[in-house]
Protein backbone atom coordinates (compact mmCIF):
# COMPACT_ATOMS: atom_id res chain seq x y z
CA ILE A 1 4.55 3.44 -12.40
CA ILE A 2 7.00 1.81 -9.99
CA GLY A 3 8.78 -1.35 -11.10
CA GLY A 4 6.09 -1.95 -13.70
CA LYS A 5 3.28 -1.70 -11.14
CA VAL A 6 0.75 1.08 -10.62
CA PRO A 7 0.01 1.49 -6.90
CA ASP A 8 -3.44 2.58 -5.75
CA PHE A 9 -2.11 5.44 -3.63
CA VAL A 10 1.30 7.13 -3.61
CA CYS A 11 2.48 9.48 -0.89
CA VAL A 12 3.29 12.79 -2.61
CA ASP A 13 4.85 14.69 0.30
CA GLY A 14 8.35 13.47 -0.48
CA ARG A 15 8.12 10.23 1.47
CA LYS A 16 8.48 7.10 -0.63
CA ALA A 17 5.39 5.16 0.44
CA VAL A 18 2.54 3.46 -1.40
CA ILE A 19 -0.75 1.86 -0.40
CA GLU A 20 -2.27 -1.04 -2.32
CA VAL A 21 -5.90 -2.05 -1.82
CA PHE A 22 -6.42 -5.71 -2.66
CA GLY A 23 -9.80 -7.10 -3.62
CA TYR A 24 -10.59 -10.58 -2.36
CA TYR A 25 -11.89 -11.61 -5.78
CA TRP A 26 -8.81 -10.46 -7.73
CA HIS A 27 -5.90 -10.99 -5.34
CA SER A 28 -4.40 -13.66 -3.12
CA GLU A 29 -2.20 -13.47 -0.04
CA SER A 30 0.64 -15.02 -2.03
CA GLN A 31 0.88 -11.80 -4.07
CA ILE A 32 1.67 -9.59 -1.08
CA GLY A 33 5.28 -10.60 -0.41
CA PRO A 34 6.54 -10.23 -3.99
CA LEU A 35 4.72 -6.91 -4.41
CA VAL A 36 6.07 -5.46 -1.16
CA SER A 37 9.57 -6.67 -2.14
CA LEU A 38 9.29 -5.06 -5.57
CA TYR A 39 8.38 -1.71 -4.04
CA LYS A 40 11.09 -2.07 -1.38
CA GLU A 41 13.70 -2.64 -4.13
CA SER A 42 12.57 0.67 -5.63
CA GLY A 43 12.89 2.39 -2.24
CA TYR A 44 9.19 2.46 -1.31
CA ASP A 45 7.42 1.29 1.83
CA CYS A 46 4.15 -0.48 1.05
CA LEU A 47 0.98 -1.00 3.05
CA VAL A 48 -1.47 -3.57 1.69
CA LEU A 49 -5.12 -3.28 2.72
CA TRP A 50 -7.88 -5.70 1.79
CA ASP A 51 -11.20 -4.50 0.42
CA TYR A 52 -12.94 -5.81 3.54
CA ASP A 53 -10.56 -3.70 5.68
CA VAL A 54 -11.78 -0.45 4.17
CA ASN A 55 -14.14 1.09 6.69
CA ALA A 56 -14.24 4.03 9.10
CA GLN A 57 -10.99 2.90 10.75
CA VAL A 58 -8.92 2.82 7.56
CA VAL A 59 -7.88 6.47 7.85
CA ASP A 60 -6.33 5.72 11.24
CA ARG A 61 -4.31 2.89 9.70
CA TRP A 62 -3.13 5.19 6.89
CA LYS A 63 -2.06 7.84 9.40
CA GLN A 64 -0.23 5.25 11.48
CA PHE A 65 1.52 3.91 8.37
CA LEU A 66 2.52 7.43 7.33
CA GLY A 67 3.86 8.27 10.77
CA GLY A 68 0.97 10.33 12.04
CA GLN A 69 0.88 12.55 8.98
CA GLY A 70 -2.37 13.22 7.30
């Protein structure tokens, strides 16, 4: 739990990074900024993906976000 939120994925290799997967039905774009800011205040980088983004290319985006690690 980070700032009262439970991210979908947390980097566990010592880097402070989280990934949130938003569902179109449950989330709105207006939620992204405050959520990213909340994580940033706690020292975490945050990548937000939408449910419709999750496909064969999502691993490449994760690797890019995590600096080529993976």
